[in-house]
PDB file of all heavy atoms in Angstrom:
ATOM      1  N   PRO A   1       0.848  -1.246   0.005  1.00  0.00           N
ATOM      2  CA  PRO A   1      -0.021  -0.005   0.008  1.00  0.00           C
ATOM      3  C   PRO A   1       0.813   1.306  -0.009  1.00  0.00           C
ATOM      4  O   PRO A   1       0.499   2.305  -0.627  1.00  0.00           O
ATOM      5  CB  PRO A   1      -0.812  -0.116   1.301  1.00  0.00           C
ATOM      6  CG  PRO A   1      -0.828  -1.606   1.598  1.00  0.00           C
ATOM      7  CD  PRO A   1       0.473  -2.113   1.191  1.00  0.00           C
ATOM      8  N   GLN A   2       1.972   1.253   0.652  1.00  0.00           N
ATOM      9  CA  GLN A   2       2.867   2.401   0.720  1.00  0.00           C
ATOM     10  C   GLN A   2       3.486   2.701  -0.710  1.00  0.00           C
ATOM     11  O   GLN A   2       3.546   3.834  -1.141  1.00  0.00           O
ATOM     12  CB  GLN A   2       3.934   2.169   1.738  1.00  0.00           C
ATOM     13  CG  GLN A   2       3.457   2.022   3.139  1.00  0.00           C
ATOM     14  CD  GLN A   2       4.576   1.930   4.201  1.00  0.00           C
ATOM     15  OE1 GLN A   2       5.437   2.853   4.216  1.00  0.00           O
ATOM     16  NE2 GLN A   2       4.495   0.945   4.995  1.00  0.00           N
ATOM     17  N   LEU A   3       3.845   1.636  -1.356  1.00  0.00           N
ATOM     18  CA  LEU A   3       4.460   1.731  -2.690  1.00  0.00           C
ATOM     19  C   LEU A   3       3.401   2.228  -3.705  1.00  0.00           C
ATOM     20  O   LEU A   3       3.651   3.026  -4.599  1.00  0.00           O
ATOM     21  CB  LEU A   3       5.092   0.475  -3.222  1.00  0.00           C
ATOM     22  CG  LEU A   3       6.251  -0.024  -2.350  1.00  0.00           C
ATOM     23  CD1 LEU A   3       7.028  -1.079  -3.169  1.00  0.00           C
ATOM     24  CD2 LEU A   3       7.215   1.137  -1.993  1.00  0.00           C
ATOM     25  N   LEU A   4       2.192   1.679  -3.597  1.00  0.00           N
ATOM     26  CA  LEU A   4       1.088   2.161  -4.458  1.00  0.00           C
ATOM     27  C   LEU A   4       0.849   3.614  -4.333  1.00  0.00           C
ATOM     28  O   LEU A   4       0.702   4.337  -5.332  1.00  0.00           O
ATOM     29  CB  LEU A   4      -0.160   1.368  -4.163  1.00  0.00           C
ATOM     30  CG  LEU A   4      -0.245  -0.038  -4.602  1.00  0.00           C
ATOM     31  CD1 LEU A   4      -1.497  -0.751  -4.066  1.00  0.00           C
ATOM     32  CD2 LEU A   4      -0.337  -0.113  -6.173  1.00  0.00           C
ATOM     33  N   GLU A   5       0.830   4.154  -3.144  1.00  0.00           N
ATOM     34  CA  GLU A   5       0.616   5.542  -2.940  1.00  0.00           C
ATOM     35  C   GLU A   5       1.759   6.400  -3.517  1.00  0.00           C
ATOM     36  O   GLU A   5       1.544   7.444  -4.185  1.00  0.00           O
ATOM     37  CB  GLU A   5       0.431   5.815  -1.405  1.00  0.00           C
ATOM     38  CG  GLU A   5       0.153   7.319  -1.066  1.00  0.00           C
ATOM     39  CD  GLU A   5      -0.032   7.544   0.428  1.00  0.00           C
ATOM     40  OE1 GLU A   5       0.062   6.522   1.197  1.00  0.00           O
ATOM     41  OE2 GLU A   5      -0.206   8.697   0.816  1.00  0.00           O
ATOM     42  N   ILE A   6       2.999   5.997  -3.195  1.00  0.00           N
ATOM     43  CA  ILE A   6       4.096   6.750  -3.646  1.00  0.00           C
ATOM     44  C   ILE A   6       4.265   6.764  -5.207  1.00  0.00           C
ATOM     45  O   ILE A   6       4.462   7.850  -5.796  1.00  0.00           O
ATOM     46  CB  ILE A   6       5.423   6.302  -3.025  1.00  0.00           C
ATOM     47  CG1 ILE A   6       5.447   6.610  -1.522  1.00  0.00           C
ATOM     48  CG2 ILE A   6       6.682   6.888  -3.648  1.00  0.00           C
ATOM     49  CD1 ILE A   6       6.584   5.965  -0.727  1.00  0.00           C
ATOM     50  N   ASN A   7       4.142   5.591  -5.743  1.00  0.00           N
ATOM     51  CA  ASN A   7       4.267   5.471  -7.186  1.00  0.00           C
ATOM     52  C   ASN A   7       3.124   6.024  -7.997  1.00  0.00           C
ATOM     53  O   ASN A   7       3.224   6.326  -9.209  1.00  0.00           O
ATOM     54  CB  ASN A   7       4.533   3.946  -7.599  1.00  0.00           C
ATOM     55  CG  ASN A   7       5.857   3.480  -7.247  1.00  0.00           C
ATOM     56  OD1 ASN A   7       6.907   4.274  -7.235  1.00  0.00           O
ATOM     57  ND2 ASN A   7       5.967   2.246  -6.828  1.00  0.00           N
ATOM     58  N   THR A   8       1.957   6.204  -7.373  1.00  0.00           N
ATOM     59  CA  THR A   8       0.881   6.920  -8.055  1.00  0.00           C
ATOM     60  C   THR A   8       1.238   8.382  -8.185  1.00  0.00           C
ATOM     61  O   THR A   8       0.877   8.988  -9.252  1.00  0.00           O
ATOM     62  CB  THR A   8      -0.483   6.771  -7.214  1.00  0.00           C
ATOM     63  OG1 THR A   8      -0.760   5.386  -7.153  1.00  0.00           O
ATOM     64  CG2 THR A   8      -1.557   7.499  -7.885  1.00  0.00           C
ATOM     65  N   LYS A   9       1.843   8.971  -7.211  1.00  0.00           N
ATOM     66  CA  LYS A   9       2.217  10.414  -7.268  1.00  0.00           C
ATOM     67  C   LYS A   9       3.471  10.543  -8.094  1.00  0.00           C
ATOM     68  O   LYS A   9       3.619  11.546  -8.855  1.00  0.00           O
ATOM     69  CB  LYS A   9       2.471  10.857  -5.852  1.00  0.00           C
ATOM     70  CG  LYS A   9       1.218  10.928  -5.009  1.00  0.00           C
ATOM     71  CD  LYS A   9       1.514  11.400  -3.573  1.00  0.00           C
ATOM     72  CE  LYS A   9       0.260  11.382  -2.747  1.00  0.00           C
ATOM     73  NZ  LYS A   9       0.552  11.705  -1.344  1.00  0.00           N
ATOM     74  N   GLU A  10       4.453   9.641  -7.992  1.00  0.00           N
ATOM     75  CA  GLU A  10       5.716   9.805  -8.732  1.00  0.00           C
ATOM     76  C   GLU A  10       6.001   8.373  -9.368  1.00  0.00           C
ATOM     77  O   GLU A  10       6.696   7.606  -8.764  1.00  0.00           O
ATOM     78  CB  GLU A  10       6.882  10.224  -7.869  1.00  0.00           C
ATOM     79  CG  GLU A  10       6.728  11.628  -7.304  1.00  0.00           C
ATOM     80  CD  GLU A  10       7.940  12.100  -6.552  1.00  0.00           C
ATOM     81  OE1 GLU A  10       9.009  12.157  -7.175  1.00  0.00           O
ATOM     82  OE2 GLU A  10       7.846  12.291  -5.367  1.00  0.00           O
ATOM     83  N   PRO A  11       5.438   8.090 -10.574  1.00  0.00           N
ATOM     84  CA  PRO A  11       5.573   6.727 -11.140  1.00  0.00           C
ATOM     85  C   PRO A  11       7.037   6.350 -11.297  1.00  0.00           C
ATOM     86  O   PRO A  11       7.904   7.108 -11.690  1.00  0.00           O
ATOM     87  CB  PRO A  11       4.953   6.956 -12.518  1.00  0.00           C
ATOM     88  CG  PRO A  11       3.983   8.033 -12.268  1.00  0.00           C
ATOM     89  CD  PRO A  11       4.594   8.946 -11.353  1.00  0.00           C
ATOM     90  N   GLY A  12       7.330   5.075 -10.877  1.00  0.00           N
ATOM     91  CA  GLY A  12       8.677   4.567 -11.045  1.00  0.00           C
ATOM     92  C   GLY A  12       9.714   4.981 -10.021  1.00  0.00           C
ATOM     93  O   GLY A  12      10.853   4.756 -10.102  1.00  0.00           O
ATOM     94  N   LEU A  13       9.204   5.642  -8.882  1.00  0.00           N
ATOM     95  CA  LEU A  13      10.171   6.139  -7.907  1.00  0.00           C
ATOM     96  C   LEU A  13      10.698   5.049  -7.027  1.00  0.00           C
ATOM     97  O   LEU A  13      11.915   5.080  -6.652  1.00  0.00           O
ATOM     98  CB  LEU A  13       9.425   7.198  -7.003  1.00  0.00           C
ATOM     99  CG  LEU A  13      10.347   8.016  -6.094  1.00  0.00           C
ATOM    100  CD1 LEU A  13      11.258   8.967  -6.870  1.00  0.00           C
ATOM    101  CD2 LEU A  13       9.537   8.730  -5.044  1.00  0.00           C
ATOM    102  N   VAL A  14       9.886   4.054  -6.667  1.00  0.00           N
ATOM    103  CA  VAL A  14      10.257   3.024  -5.772  1.00  0.00           C
ATOM    104  C   VAL A  14       9.863   1.680  -6.295  1.00  0.00           C
ATOM    105  O   VAL A  14       8.720   1.467  -6.818  1.00  0.00           O
ATOM    106  CB  VAL A  14       9.627   3.202  -4.371  1.00  0.00           C
ATOM    107  CG1 VAL A  14      10.162   2.153  -3.344  1.00  0.00           C
ATOM    108  CG2 VAL A  14       9.904   4.608  -3.881  1.00  0.00           C
ATOM    109  N   GLU A  15      10.724   0.676  -6.123  1.00  0.00           N
ATOM    110  CA  GLU A  15      10.465  -0.760  -6.533  1.00  0.00           C
ATOM    111  C   GLU A  15      10.527  -1.628  -5.299  1.00  0.00           C
ATOM    112  O   GLU A  15      11.099  -1.274  -4.260  1.00  0.00           O
ATOM    113  CB  GLU A  15      11.341  -1.281  -7.560  1.00  0.00           C
ATOM    114  CG  GLU A  15      12.813  -1.525  -7.058  1.00  0.00           C
ATOM    115  CD  GLU A  15      13.623  -2.405  -7.907  1.00  0.00           C
ATOM    116  OE1 GLU A  15      13.046  -3.134  -8.779  1.00  0.00           O
ATOM    117  OE2 GLU A  15      14.902  -2.419  -7.752  1.00  0.00           O
ATOM    118  N   LEU A  16       9.856  -2.794  -5.324  1.00  0.00           N
ATOM    119  CA  LEU A  16       9.973  -3.772  -4.369  1.00  0.00           C
ATOM    120  C   LEU A  16      10.700  -5.038  -4.965  1.00  0.00           C
ATOM    121  O   LEU A  16      10.224  -5.569  -5.991  1.00  0.00           O
ATOM    122  CB  LEU A  16       8.597  -4.211  -3.819  1.00  0.00           C
ATOM    123  CG  LEU A  16       8.525  -5.462  -2.898  1.00  0.00           C
ATOM    124  CD1 LEU A  16       9.399  -5.210  -1.683  1.00  0.00           C
ATOM    125  CD2 LEU A  16       7.106  -5.777  -2.526  1.00  0.00           C
ATOM    126  N   LEU A  17      11.827  -5.354  -4.401  1.00  0.00           N
ATOM    127  CA  LEU A  17      12.600  -6.539  -4.872  1.00  0.00           C
ATOM    128  C   LEU A  17      12.586  -7.584  -3.850  1.00  0.00           C
ATOM    129  O   LEU A  17      12.950  -7.322  -2.626  1.00  0.00           O
ATOM    130  CB  LEU A  17      14.098  -6.132  -5.202  1.00  0.00           C
ATOM    131  CG  LEU A  17      15.059  -7.218  -5.395  1.00  0.00           C
ATOM    132  CD1 LEU A  17      14.776  -7.980  -6.685  1.00  0.00           C
ATOM    133  CD2 LEU A  17      16.487  -6.720  -5.386  1.00  0.00           C
ATOM    134  N   ILE A  18      12.204  -8.829  -4.184  1.00  0.00           N
ATOM    135  CA  ILE A  18      12.273  -9.944  -3.264  1.00  0.00           C
ATOM    136  C   ILE A  18      13.265 -10.906  -3.823  1.00  0.00           C
ATOM    137  O   ILE A  18      13.253 -11.363  -4.945  1.00  0.00           O
ATOM    138  CB  ILE A  18      10.906 -10.612  -3.105  1.00  0.00           C
ATOM    139  CG1 ILE A  18       9.886  -9.657  -2.631  1.00  0.00           C
ATOM    140  CG2 ILE A  18      11.082 -11.851  -2.080  1.00  0.00           C
ATOM    141  CD1 ILE A  18       8.948  -9.233  -3.658  1.00  0.00           C
ATOM    142  N   CYS A  19      14.344 -11.280  -2.964  1.00  0.00           N
ATOM    143  CA  CYS A  19      15.391 -12.208  -3.400  1.00  0.00           C
ATOM    144  C   CYS A  19      15.099 -13.474  -2.626  1.00  0.00           C
ATOM    145  O   CYS A  19      15.244 -13.620  -1.462  1.00  0.00           O
ATOM    146  CB  CYS A  19      16.774 -11.642  -2.913  1.00  0.00           C
ATOM    147  SG  CYS A  19      17.304 -10.294  -4.007  1.00  0.00           S
ATOM    148  N   ASN A  20      14.592 -14.461  -3.384  1.00  0.00           N
ATOM    149  CA  ASN A  20      14.181 -15.721  -2.879  1.00  0.00           C
ATOM    150  C   ASN A  20      15.334 -16.774  -2.928  1.00  0.00           C
ATOM    151  O   ASN A  20      15.790 -17.074  -3.986  1.00  0.00           O
ATOM    152  CB  ASN A  20      12.951 -16.239  -3.696  1.00  0.00           C
ATOM    153  CG  ASN A  20      12.484 -17.568  -3.302  1.00  0.00           C
ATOM    154  OD1 ASN A  20      12.740 -18.034  -2.139  1.00  0.00           O
ATOM    155  ND2 ASN A  20      11.819 -18.247  -4.165  1.00  0.00           N
ATOM    156  N   ASN A  21      15.756 -17.223  -1.724  1.00  0.00           N
ATOM    157  CA  ASN A  21      16.942 -18.034  -1.602  1.00  0.00           C
ATOM    158  C   ASN A  21      16.621 -19.513  -1.678  1.00  0.00           C
ATOM    159  O   ASN A  21      16.916 -20.221  -0.745  1.00  0.00           O
ATOM    160  CB  ASN A  21      17.604 -17.665  -0.286  1.00  0.00           C
ATOM    161  CG  ASN A  21      19.152 -17.850  -0.336  1.00  0.00           C
ATOM    162  OD1 ASN A  21      19.679 -18.251  -1.309  1.00  0.00           O
ATOM    163  ND2 ASN A  21      19.834 -17.603   0.766  1.00  0.00           N
ATOM    164  N   ALA A  22      16.040 -19.878  -2.799  1.00  0.00           N
ATOM    165  CA  ALA A  22      15.681 -21.333  -3.047  1.00  0.00           C
ATOM    166  C   ALA A  22      14.690 -21.852  -2.077  1.00  0.00           C
ATOM    167  O   ALA A  22      14.824 -22.990  -1.530  1.00  0.00           O
ATOM    168  CB  ALA A  22      16.985 -22.175  -3.069  1.00  0.00           C
ATOM    169  N   SER A  23      13.665 -21.130  -1.785  1.00  0.00           N
ATOM    170  CA  SER A  23      12.561 -21.549  -0.877  1.00  0.00           C
ATOM    171  C   SER A  23      11.897 -22.752  -1.400  1.00  0.00           C
ATOM    172  O   SER A  23      11.715 -22.900  -2.598  1.00  0.00           O
ATOM    173  CB  SER A  23      11.626 -20.398  -0.556  1.00  0.00           C
ATOM    174  OG  SER A  23      12.223 -19.366   0.097  1.00  0.00           O
ATOM    175  N   THR A  24      11.349 -23.594  -0.461  1.00  0.00           N
ATOM    176  CA  THR A  24      10.635 -24.793  -0.832  1.00  0.00           C
ATOM    177  C   THR A  24       9.244 -24.874  -0.231  1.00  0.00           C
ATOM    178  O   THR A  24       8.613 -25.902  -0.217  1.00  0.00           O
ATOM    179  CB  THR A  24      11.454 -26.059  -0.443  1.00  0.00           C
ATOM    180  OG1 THR A  24      11.671 -26.025   0.993  1.00  0.00           O
ATOM    181  CG2 THR A  24      12.744 -26.118  -1.179  1.00  0.00           C
ATOM    182  N   ASP A  25       8.788 -23.771   0.369  1.00  0.00           N
ATOM    183  CA  ASP A  25       7.548 -23.768   1.088  1.00  0.00           C
ATOM    184  C   ASP A  25       6.388 -23.024   0.410  1.00  0.00           C
ATOM    185  O   ASP A  25       5.393 -22.723   1.009  1.00  0.00           O
ATOM    186  CB  ASP A  25       7.747 -23.108   2.463  1.00  0.00           C
ATOM    187  CG  ASP A  25       8.060 -21.599   2.339  1.00  0.00           C
ATOM    188  OD1 ASP A  25       8.467 -21.176   1.203  1.00  0.00           O
ATOM    189  OD2 ASP A  25       8.021 -20.934   3.365  1.00  0.00           O
ATOM    190  N   GLY A  26       6.450 -22.865  -0.870  1.00  0.00           N
ATOM    191  CA  GLY A  26       5.464 -22.155  -1.619  1.00  0.00           C
ATOM    192  C   GLY A  26       5.699 -20.683  -1.904  1.00  0.00           C
ATOM    193  O   GLY A  26       4.946 -19.967  -2.558  1.00  0.00           O
ATOM    194  N   THR A  27       6.860 -20.210  -1.398  1.00  0.00           N
ATOM    195  CA  THR A  27       7.201 -18.846  -1.571  1.00  0.00           C
ATOM    196  C   THR A  27       7.350 -18.489  -3.069  1.00  0.00           C
ATOM    197  O   THR A  27       6.822 -17.415  -3.491  1.00  0.00           O
ATOM    198  CB  THR A  27       8.589 -18.543  -0.829  1.00  0.00           C
ATOM    199  OG1 THR A  27       8.375 -18.600   0.554  1.00  0.00           O
ATOM    200  CG2 THR A  27       9.038 -17.157  -1.126  1.00  0.00           C
ATOM    201  N   THR A  28       8.005 -19.319  -3.809  1.00  0.00           N
ATOM    202  CA  THR A  28       8.241 -19.047  -5.254  1.00  0.00           C
ATOM    203  C   THR A  28       6.902 -18.843  -5.970  1.00  0.00           C
ATOM    204  O   THR A  28       6.727 -17.866  -6.734  1.00  0.00           O
ATOM    205  CB  THR A  28       8.988 -20.172  -5.910  1.00  0.00           C
ATOM    206  OG1 THR A  28      10.261 -20.343  -5.230  1.00  0.00           O
ATOM    207  CG2 THR A  28       9.329 -19.875  -7.376  1.00  0.00           C
ATOM    208  N   GLU A  29       5.958 -19.710  -5.757  1.00  0.00           N
ATOM    209  CA  GLU A  29       4.624 -19.583  -6.451  1.00  0.00           C
ATOM    210  C   GLU A  29       3.888 -18.372  -6.035  1.00  0.00           C
ATOM    211  O   GLU A  29       3.266 -17.751  -6.836  1.00  0.00           O
ATOM    212  CB  GLU A  29       3.792 -20.886  -6.142  1.00  0.00           C
ATOM    213  CG  GLU A  29       4.390 -22.165  -6.685  1.00  0.00           C
ATOM    214  CD  GLU A  29       5.601 -22.732  -5.936  1.00  0.00           C
ATOM    215  OE1 GLU A  29       5.892 -22.228  -4.820  1.00  0.00           O
ATOM    216  OE2 GLU A  29       6.245 -23.646  -6.481  1.00  0.00           O
ATOM    217  N   TYR A  30       3.963 -18.109  -4.692  1.00  0.00           N
ATOM    218  CA  TYR A  30       3.317 -16.863  -4.203  1.00  0.00           C
ATOM    219  C   TYR A  30       3.909 -15.604  -4.881  1.00  0.00           C
ATOM    220  O   TYR A  30       3.125 -14.710  -5.305  1.00  0.00           O
ATOM    221  CB  TYR A  30       3.480 -16.757  -2.691  1.00  0.00           C
ATOM    222  CG  TYR A  30       3.257 -15.389  -2.093  1.00  0.00           C
ATOM    223  CD1 TYR A  30       2.000 -14.859  -1.977  1.00  0.00           C
ATOM    224  CD2 TYR A  30       4.352 -14.678  -1.660  1.00  0.00           C
ATOM    225  CE1 TYR A  30       1.819 -13.606  -1.464  1.00  0.00           C
ATOM    226  CE2 TYR A  30       4.197 -13.393  -1.103  1.00  0.00           C
ATOM    227  CZ  TYR A  30       2.900 -12.869  -1.064  1.00  0.00           C
ATOM    228  OH  TYR A  30       2.738 -11.625  -0.496  1.00  0.00           O
ATOM    229  N   LEU A  31       5.156 -15.564  -4.987  1.00  0.00           N
ATOM    230  CA  LEU A  31       5.788 -14.364  -5.516  1.00  0.00           C
ATOM    231  C   LEU A  31       5.544 -14.226  -7.034  1.00  0.00           C
ATOM    232  O   LEU A  31       5.355 -13.082  -7.517  1.00  0.00           O
ATOM    233  CB  LEU A  31       7.342 -14.479  -5.316  1.00  0.00           C
ATOM    234  CG  LEU A  31       7.843 -14.338  -3.895  1.00  0.00           C
ATOM    235  CD1 LEU A  31       9.329 -14.516  -3.746  1.00  0.00           C
ATOM    236  CD2 LEU A  31       7.439 -12.992  -3.275  1.00  0.00           C
ATOM    237  N   ILE A  32       5.508 -15.256  -7.748  1.00  0.00           N
ATOM    238  CA  ILE A  32       5.193 -15.218  -9.195  1.00  0.00           C
ATOM    239  C   ILE A  32       3.823 -14.596  -9.378  1.00  0.00           C
ATOM    240  O   ILE A  32       3.544 -13.742 -10.236  1.00  0.00           O
ATOM    241  CB  ILE A  32       5.294 -16.606  -9.836  1.00  0.00           C
ATOM    242  CG1 ILE A  32       6.734 -17.074  -9.883  1.00  0.00           C
ATOM    243  CG2 ILE A  32       4.694 -16.610 -11.302  1.00  0.00           C
ATOM    244  CD1 ILE A  32       6.940 -18.500 -10.286  1.00  0.00           C
ATOM    245  N   THR A  33       2.842 -15.087  -8.616  1.00  0.00           N
ATOM    246  CA  THR A  33       1.442 -14.554  -8.691  1.00  0.00           C
ATOM    247  C   THR A  33       1.389 -13.096  -8.295  1.00  0.00           C
ATOM    248  O   THR A  33       0.739 -12.316  -8.864  1.00  0.00           O
ATOM    249  CB  THR A  33       0.466 -15.388  -7.787  1.00  0.00           C
ATOM    250  OG1 THR A  33       0.571 -16.749  -8.162  1.00  0.00           O
ATOM    251  CG2 THR A  33      -0.897 -14.826  -7.862  1.00  0.00           C
ATOM    252  N   LEU A  34       2.109 -12.753  -7.226  1.00  0.00           N
ATOM    253  CA  LEU A  34       2.187 -11.378  -6.760  1.00  0.00           C
ATOM    254  C   LEU A  34       2.731 -10.408  -7.840  1.00  0.00           C
ATOM    255  O   LEU A  34       2.190  -9.334  -8.069  1.00  0.00           O
ATOM    256  CB  LEU A  34       3.075 -11.320  -5.516  1.00  0.00           C
ATOM    257  CG  LEU A  34       3.037  -9.997  -4.701  1.00  0.00           C
ATOM    258  CD1 LEU A  34       1.712  -9.853  -3.970  1.00  0.00           C
ATOM    259  CD2 LEU A  34       4.221  -9.990  -3.734  1.00  0.00           C
ATOM    260  N   LYS A  35       3.765 -10.832  -8.499  1.00  0.00           N
ATOM    261  CA  LYS A  35       4.422  -9.953  -9.492  1.00  0.00           C
ATOM    262  C   LYS A  35       3.476  -9.657 -10.678  1.00  0.00           C
ATOM    263  O   LYS A  35       3.507  -8.620 -11.260  1.00  0.00           O
ATOM    264  CB  LYS A  35       5.716 -10.664 -10.013  1.00  0.00           C
ATOM    265  CG  LYS A  35       6.505  -9.725 -10.961  1.00  0.00           C
ATOM    266  CD  LYS A  35       7.763 -10.478 -11.428  1.00  0.00           C
ATOM    267  CE  LYS A  35       8.707  -9.550 -12.228  1.00  0.00           C
ATOM    268  NZ  LYS A  35       8.048  -8.885 -13.315  1.00  0.00           N
ATOM    269  N   GLU A  36       2.594 -10.609 -10.994  1.00  0.00           N
ATOM    270  CA  GLU A  36       1.661 -10.396 -12.067  1.00  0.00           C
ATOM    271  C   GLU A  36       0.708  -9.229 -11.813  1.00  0.00           C
ATOM    272  O   GLU A  36       0.151  -8.652 -12.703  1.00  0.00           O
ATOM    273  CB  GLU A  36       0.827 -11.649 -12.328  1.00  0.00           C
ATOM    274  CG  GLU A  36       1.689 -12.811 -12.899  1.00  0.00           C
ATOM    275  CD  GLU A  36       0.895 -14.105 -12.922  1.00  0.00           C
ATOM    276  OE1 GLU A  36      -0.245 -14.168 -12.470  1.00  0.00           O
ATOM    277  OE2 GLU A  36       1.445 -15.097 -13.522  1.00  0.00           O
ATOM    278  N   ASN A  37       0.455  -8.932 -10.543  1.00  0.00           N
ATOM    279  CA  ASN A  37      -0.480  -7.900 -10.152  1.00  0.00           C
ATOM    280  C   ASN A  37       0.175  -6.530  -9.886  1.00  0.00           C
ATOM    281  O   ASN A  37      -0.603  -5.512  -9.781  1.00  0.00           O
ATOM    282  CB  ASN A  37      -1.252  -8.380  -8.896  1.00  0.00           C
ATOM    283  CG  ASN A  37      -2.035  -9.595  -9.076  1.00  0.00           C
ATOM    284  OD1 ASN A  37      -2.710  -9.765 -10.158  1.00  0.00           O
ATOM    285  ND2 ASN A  37      -1.976 -10.517  -8.152  1.00  0.00           N
TER     286      ASN A  37
END
């Protein structure tokens, strides 16, 4: 929600990067779906 608010006012100002260290608990699938949105 914080990034949505900031990037609405100044597009492309802030990104969210997640570095997934070979997780095996469903993290990878969750992140792929999240990135699509």
